[in-house]
Structure formats: structure tokens, C-alpha cells
Amino acid sequence: MINNNSLILILKNLGYKDLYNIFNIIFYGNRQKIIQAYALKNAIDHEGKAVVGSVIPGLFNHGLTKEKIKDVMKDVNEVIKEVNSWDIEKQKTEFENILI
């Protein structure tokens, strides 16, 4: 049996495509959480700063189309602003909480 710490270590080492599959199962239809997950992953990978251009491509995996980008930009910008205001340790904690 895998304990929570082992699961967290496994999930931290997953790529974006693996995260996509997990998030589709867990967060299907929950756009805010999906945006936050991609923003946190991007921020953690880049010294605490997420950028829109790196978060948007992940959302295409969840049904976002080019025609709908304008509809989600407000949410994406708000989430990125919030995530970037946190220190790296809070980002890591929040990311782990999403994965659990």
C-alpha cells in the first residue's frame, strides 16, 4: 500500500501530461482548481513565478479552445496573481494539497 508521503513524491515527479489525466479524473469541470494546479506547477518549476503563456497550454488538455481563451483569461490572471504573491513554500504546500 502507498502512503500519502510516497504518493506525494510520485505525483511531484509527474509531467504535465500525467497531471492532466489525474486532474481530469479528480477535478473534471472545476476550472479554477485546474488553473491553480497548472499555475502552481509552473511557479514551482520557475522559482515561484508562474506566467500566463505557460499555464494556458495545459488548459487545452481540459477542453479549452482558441475561441474560449478570452472567457478564461480573467480567471487565469487572477489565479496567477494570487499564486505569484505566495512564497515558494506556500506554493509547494498548496500544490501538495491539490494532489491529495
N, C-alpha and C. Protein backbone atom coordinates (compact mmCIF):
# COMPACT_ATOMS: atom_id res chain seq x y z
N MET A 1 0.83 -1.18 0.00
CA MET A 1 0.00 0.00 0.00
C MET A 1 0.88 1.24 0.00
N ILE A 2 0.46 2.26 -0.74
CA ILE A 2 1.22 3.50 -0.83
C ILE A 2 0.69 4.48 0.21
N ASN A 3 1.62 5.03 1.02
CA ASN A 3 1.18 6.04 1.99
C ASN A 3 1.16 7.42 1.33
N ASN A 4 0.60 8.41 2.03
CA ASN A 4 0.45 9.75 1.46
C ASN A 4 1.77 10.38 1.05
N ASN A 5 2.82 10.20 1.86
CA ASN A 5 4.12 10.78 1.52
C ASN A 5 4.68 10.18 0.25
N SER A 6 4.54 8.88 0.08
CA SER A 6 5.00 8.23 -1.15
C SER A 6 4.22 8.72 -2.35
N LEU A 7 2.92 8.86 -2.17
CA LEU A 7 2.07 9.34 -3.26
C LEU A 7 2.46 10.76 -3.66
N ILE A 8 2.72 11.61 -2.68
CA ILE A 8 3.13 12.98 -2.97
C ILE A 8 4.42 12.98 -3.77
N LEU A 9 5.39 12.17 -3.38
CA LEU A 9 6.66 12.10 -4.11
C LEU A 9 6.45 11.63 -5.54
N ILE A 10 5.59 10.66 -5.73
CA ILE A 10 5.30 10.17 -7.07
C ILE A 10 4.66 11.28 -7.91
N LEU A 11 3.65 11.95 -7.35
CA LEU A 11 2.93 12.98 -8.09
C LEU A 11 3.81 14.19 -8.41
N LYS A 12 4.73 14.53 -7.51
CA LYS A 12 5.63 15.66 -7.76
C LYS A 12 6.51 15.41 -8.99
N ASN A 13 6.79 14.17 -9.27
CA ASN A 13 7.68 13.84 -10.37
C ASN A 13 6.96 13.58 -11.68
N LEU A 14 5.67 13.77 -11.69
CA LEU A 14 4.90 13.57 -12.91
C LEU A 14 5.06 14.77 -13.84
N GLY A 15 4.91 14.53 -15.11
CA GLY A 15 4.92 15.61 -16.09
C GLY A 15 3.53 16.17 -16.26
N TYR A 16 3.41 17.19 -17.10
CA TYR A 16 2.13 17.84 -17.32
C TYR A 16 1.09 16.88 -17.90
N LYS A 17 1.50 15.96 -18.78
CA LYS A 17 0.52 15.04 -19.37
C LYS A 17 -0.06 14.09 -18.32
N ASP A 18 0.79 13.64 -17.40
CA ASP A 18 0.30 12.79 -16.32
C ASP A 18 -0.64 13.56 -15.40
N LEU A 19 -0.25 14.80 -15.09
CA LEU A 19 -1.11 15.62 -14.26
C LEU A 19 -2.46 15.85 -14.93
N TYR A 20 -2.43 16.02 -16.23
CA TYR A 20 -3.68 16.21 -17.00
C TYR A 20 -4.64 15.06 -16.75
N ASN A 21 -4.15 13.85 -16.81
CA ASN A 21 -5.01 12.68 -16.60
C ASN A 21 -5.57 12.64 -15.19
N ILE A 22 -4.74 12.95 -14.22
CA ILE A 22 -5.20 12.96 -12.83
C ILE A 22 -6.24 14.04 -12.62
N PHE A 23 -5.96 15.23 -13.14
CA PHE A 23 -6.89 16.34 -12.93
C PHE A 23 -8.21 16.12 -13.65
N ASN A 24 -8.18 15.46 -14.79
CA ASN A 24 -9.45 15.17 -15.47
C ASN A 24 -10.33 14.27 -14.61
N ILE A 25 -9.72 13.35 -13.93
CA ILE A 25 -10.48 12.44 -13.08
C ILE A 25 -10.97 13.15 -11.82
N ILE A 26 -10.08 13.88 -11.16
CA ILE A 26 -10.41 14.48 -9.87
C ILE A 26 -11.20 15.78 -10.00
N PHE A 27 -10.81 16.62 -10.94
CA PHE A 27 -11.36 17.97 -10.99
C PHE A 27 -12.18 18.25 -12.24
N TYR A 28 -12.71 17.23 -12.88
CA TYR A 28 -13.46 17.45 -14.11
C TYR A 28 -14.51 18.54 -13.90
N GLY A 29 -14.44 19.55 -14.72
CA GLY A 29 -15.40 20.64 -14.65
C GLY A 29 -15.07 21.72 -13.64
N ASN A 30 -13.99 21.60 -12.90
CA ASN A 30 -13.63 22.60 -11.91
C ASN A 30 -12.48 23.45 -12.44
N ARG A 31 -12.83 24.43 -13.25
CA ARG A 31 -11.83 25.24 -13.96
C ARG A 31 -10.86 25.95 -13.03
N GLN A 32 -11.35 26.53 -11.93
CA GLN A 32 -10.47 27.27 -11.01
C GLN A 32 -9.35 26.37 -10.48
N LYS A 33 -9.72 25.18 -10.04
CA LYS A 33 -8.71 24.27 -9.47
C LYS A 33 -7.72 23.81 -10.54
N ILE A 34 -8.20 23.58 -11.73
CA ILE A 34 -7.30 23.16 -12.80
C ILE A 34 -6.32 24.28 -13.12
N ILE A 35 -6.82 25.50 -13.22
CA ILE A 35 -5.94 26.65 -13.48
C ILE A 35 -4.92 26.78 -12.36
N GLN A 36 -5.39 26.66 -11.12
CA GLN A 36 -4.48 26.78 -9.98
C GLN A 36 -3.41 25.69 -10.00
N ALA A 37 -3.78 24.50 -10.34
CA ALA A 37 -2.82 23.40 -10.38
C ALA A 37 -1.72 23.68 -11.40
N TYR A 38 -2.10 24.10 -12.59
CA TYR A 38 -1.10 24.41 -13.61
C TYR A 38 -0.26 25.63 -13.22
N ALA A 39 -0.88 26.62 -12.61
CA ALA A 39 -0.14 27.81 -12.18
C ALA A 39 0.86 27.45 -11.09
N LEU A 40 0.44 26.63 -10.15
CA LEU A 40 1.35 26.21 -9.08
C LEU A 40 2.51 25.39 -9.62
N LYS A 41 2.22 24.44 -10.49
CA LYS A 41 3.28 23.61 -11.09
C LYS A 41 4.27 24.50 -11.82
N ASN A 42 3.76 25.46 -12.59
CA ASN A 42 4.63 26.37 -13.34
C ASN A 42 5.45 27.24 -12.39
N ALA A 43 4.82 27.76 -11.35
CA ALA A 43 5.55 28.61 -10.40
C ALA A 43 6.65 27.84 -9.69
N ILE A 44 6.33 26.65 -9.24
CA ILE A 44 7.32 25.83 -8.54
C ILE A 44 8.49 25.49 -9.45
N ASP A 45 8.20 25.24 -10.71
CA ASP A 45 9.26 24.91 -11.67
C ASP A 45 10.10 26.13 -12.07
N HIS A 46 9.61 27.35 -11.76
CA HIS A 46 10.29 28.57 -12.21
C HIS A 46 10.46 29.59 -11.08
N GLU A 47 11.04 29.12 -9.98
CA GLU A 47 11.44 29.97 -8.87
C GLU A 47 10.30 30.83 -8.32
N GLY A 48 9.09 30.27 -8.28
CA GLY A 48 7.98 30.94 -7.63
C GLY A 48 7.16 31.87 -8.50
N LYS A 49 7.42 31.91 -9.80
CA LYS A 49 6.69 32.83 -10.67
C LYS A 49 6.07 32.09 -11.86
N ALA A 50 4.75 32.03 -11.84
CA ALA A 50 4.01 31.43 -12.96
C ALA A 50 3.76 32.51 -14.01
N VAL A 51 3.65 32.09 -15.26
CA VAL A 51 3.34 33.03 -16.35
C VAL A 51 2.18 32.47 -17.17
N VAL A 52 1.35 33.38 -17.65
CA VAL A 52 0.15 33.01 -18.40
C VAL A 52 0.49 32.10 -19.57
N GLY A 53 1.52 32.45 -20.31
CA GLY A 53 1.88 31.70 -21.51
C GLY A 53 2.26 30.26 -21.25
N SER A 54 2.59 29.94 -20.01
CA SER A 54 2.92 28.56 -19.67
C SER A 54 1.74 27.81 -19.05
N VAL A 55 0.74 28.53 -18.59
CA VAL A 55 -0.42 27.91 -17.96
C VAL A 55 -1.50 27.59 -19.00
N ILE A 56 -1.73 28.50 -19.93
CA ILE A 56 -2.79 28.34 -20.94
C ILE A 56 -2.67 27.03 -21.71
N PRO A 57 -1.48 26.63 -22.19
CA PRO A 57 -1.41 25.38 -22.97
C PRO A 57 -1.95 24.16 -22.22
N GLY A 58 -1.75 24.09 -20.93
CA GLY A 58 -2.28 22.98 -20.15
C GLY A 58 -3.79 22.94 -20.17
N LEU A 59 -4.42 24.10 -20.26
CA LEU A 59 -5.88 24.16 -20.24
C LEU A 59 -6.49 23.60 -21.52
N PHE A 60 -5.73 23.60 -22.60
CA PHE A 60 -6.23 23.00 -23.84
C PHE A 60 -6.48 21.50 -23.64
N ASN A 61 -5.73 20.90 -22.74
CA ASN A 61 -5.93 19.48 -22.41
C ASN A 61 -7.25 19.23 -21.70
N HIS A 62 -7.86 20.29 -21.21
CA HIS A 62 -9.12 20.19 -20.46
C HIS A 62 -10.30 20.77 -21.21
N GLY A 63 -10.14 20.89 -22.52
CA GLY A 63 -11.27 21.31 -23.34
C GLY A 63 -11.28 22.77 -23.75
N LEU A 64 -10.29 23.55 -23.30
CA LEU A 64 -10.23 24.94 -23.73
C LEU A 64 -9.96 24.99 -25.23
N THR A 65 -10.69 25.84 -25.91
CA THR A 65 -10.46 26.05 -27.34
C THR A 65 -9.98 27.48 -27.55
N LYS A 66 -9.39 27.74 -28.70
CA LYS A 66 -8.91 29.09 -29.01
C LYS A 66 -10.02 30.11 -28.89
N GLU A 67 -11.22 29.70 -29.27
CA GLU A 67 -12.36 30.61 -29.23
C GLU A 67 -12.75 30.99 -27.80
N LYS A 68 -12.39 30.17 -26.83
CA LYS A 68 -12.78 30.39 -25.43
C LYS A 68 -11.68 31.01 -24.57
N ILE A 69 -10.53 31.28 -25.16
CA ILE A 69 -9.42 31.83 -24.37
C ILE A 69 -9.82 33.11 -23.64
N LYS A 70 -10.51 34.00 -24.35
CA LYS A 70 -10.93 35.26 -23.71
C LYS A 70 -11.82 35.02 -22.50
N ASP A 71 -12.61 33.95 -22.56
CA ASP A 71 -13.52 33.64 -21.45
C ASP A 71 -12.79 33.23 -20.17
N VAL A 72 -11.61 32.66 -20.30
CA VAL A 72 -10.88 32.17 -19.11
C VAL A 72 -9.75 33.08 -18.68
N MET A 73 -9.42 34.08 -19.48
CA MET A 73 -8.25 34.91 -19.17
C MET A 73 -8.38 35.63 -17.83
N LYS A 74 -9.57 36.10 -17.49
CA LYS A 74 -9.75 36.78 -16.20
C LYS A 74 -9.41 35.82 -15.06
N ASP A 75 -9.94 34.59 -15.14
CA ASP A 75 -9.66 33.59 -14.11
C ASP A 75 -8.17 33.25 -14.06
N VAL A 76 -7.57 33.06 -15.22
CA VAL A 76 -6.14 32.71 -15.27
C VAL A 76 -5.30 33.82 -14.64
N ASN A 77 -5.57 35.06 -15.03
CA ASN A 77 -4.79 36.18 -14.49
C ASN A 77 -4.97 36.32 -12.98
N GLU A 78 -6.19 36.13 -12.50
CA GLU A 78 -6.44 36.23 -11.05
C GLU A 78 -5.70 35.13 -10.29
N VAL A 79 -5.77 33.91 -10.81
CA VAL A 79 -5.10 32.79 -10.14
C VAL A 79 -3.59 32.99 -10.15
N ILE A 80 -3.04 33.38 -11.28
CA ILE A 80 -1.59 33.59 -11.37
C ILE A 80 -1.14 34.71 -10.43
N LYS A 81 -1.92 35.78 -10.36
CA LYS A 81 -1.58 36.88 -9.45
C LYS A 81 -1.54 36.37 -8.00
N GLU A 82 -2.54 35.57 -7.64
CA GLU A 82 -2.57 35.02 -6.28
C GLU A 82 -1.41 34.07 -6.02
N VAL A 83 -1.18 33.14 -6.93
CA VAL A 83 -0.10 32.16 -6.78
C VAL A 83 1.25 32.86 -6.70
N ASN A 84 1.47 33.86 -7.53
CA ASN A 84 2.75 34.58 -7.53
C ASN A 84 2.95 35.43 -6.27
N SER A 85 1.87 35.73 -5.55
CA SER A 85 2.01 36.50 -4.31
C SER A 85 2.48 35.63 -3.14
N TRP A 86 2.39 34.31 -3.30
CA TRP A 86 2.79 33.39 -2.25
C TRP A 86 4.28 33.10 -2.36
N ASP A 87 4.90 32.80 -1.21
CA ASP A 87 6.29 32.36 -1.26
C ASP A 87 6.32 30.91 -1.77
N ILE A 88 7.49 30.47 -2.14
CA ILE A 88 7.66 29.15 -2.78
C ILE A 88 7.19 28.02 -1.86
N GLU A 89 7.39 28.16 -0.57
CA GLU A 89 6.97 27.11 0.35
C GLU A 89 5.44 26.98 0.39
N LYS A 90 4.75 28.11 0.39
CA LYS A 90 3.28 28.06 0.35
C LYS A 90 2.81 27.47 -0.98
N GLN A 91 3.49 27.81 -2.06
CA GLN A 91 3.14 27.23 -3.36
C GLN A 91 3.27 25.72 -3.33
N LYS A 92 4.35 25.23 -2.78
CA LYS A 92 4.56 23.79 -2.70
C LYS A 92 3.48 23.12 -1.84
N THR A 93 3.17 23.76 -0.71
CA THR A 93 2.14 23.21 0.18
C THR A 93 0.78 23.17 -0.53
N GLU A 94 0.44 24.25 -1.20
CA GLU A 94 -0.84 24.32 -1.91
C GLU A 94 -0.89 23.28 -3.03
N PHE A 95 0.21 23.09 -3.73
CA PHE A 95 0.28 22.10 -4.81
C PHE A 95 0.08 20.70 -4.24
N GLU A 96 0.74 20.41 -3.12
CA GLU A 96 0.58 19.11 -2.48
C GLU A 96 -0.87 18.90 -2.03
N ASN A 97 -1.52 19.95 -1.54
CA ASN A 97 -2.91 19.84 -1.10
C ASN A 97 -3.84 19.56 -2.27
N ILE A 98 -3.55 20.10 -3.43
CA ILE A 98 -4.35 19.83 -4.61
C ILE A 98 -4.21 18.36 -5.02
N LEU A 99 -3.01 17.85 -4.89
CA LEU A 99 -2.74 16.48 -5.34
C LEU A 99 -3.29 15.41 -4.40
N ILE A 100 -3.57 15.79 -3.17
CA ILE A 100 -4.04 14.79 -2.20
C ILE A 100 -5.53 14.55 -2.39
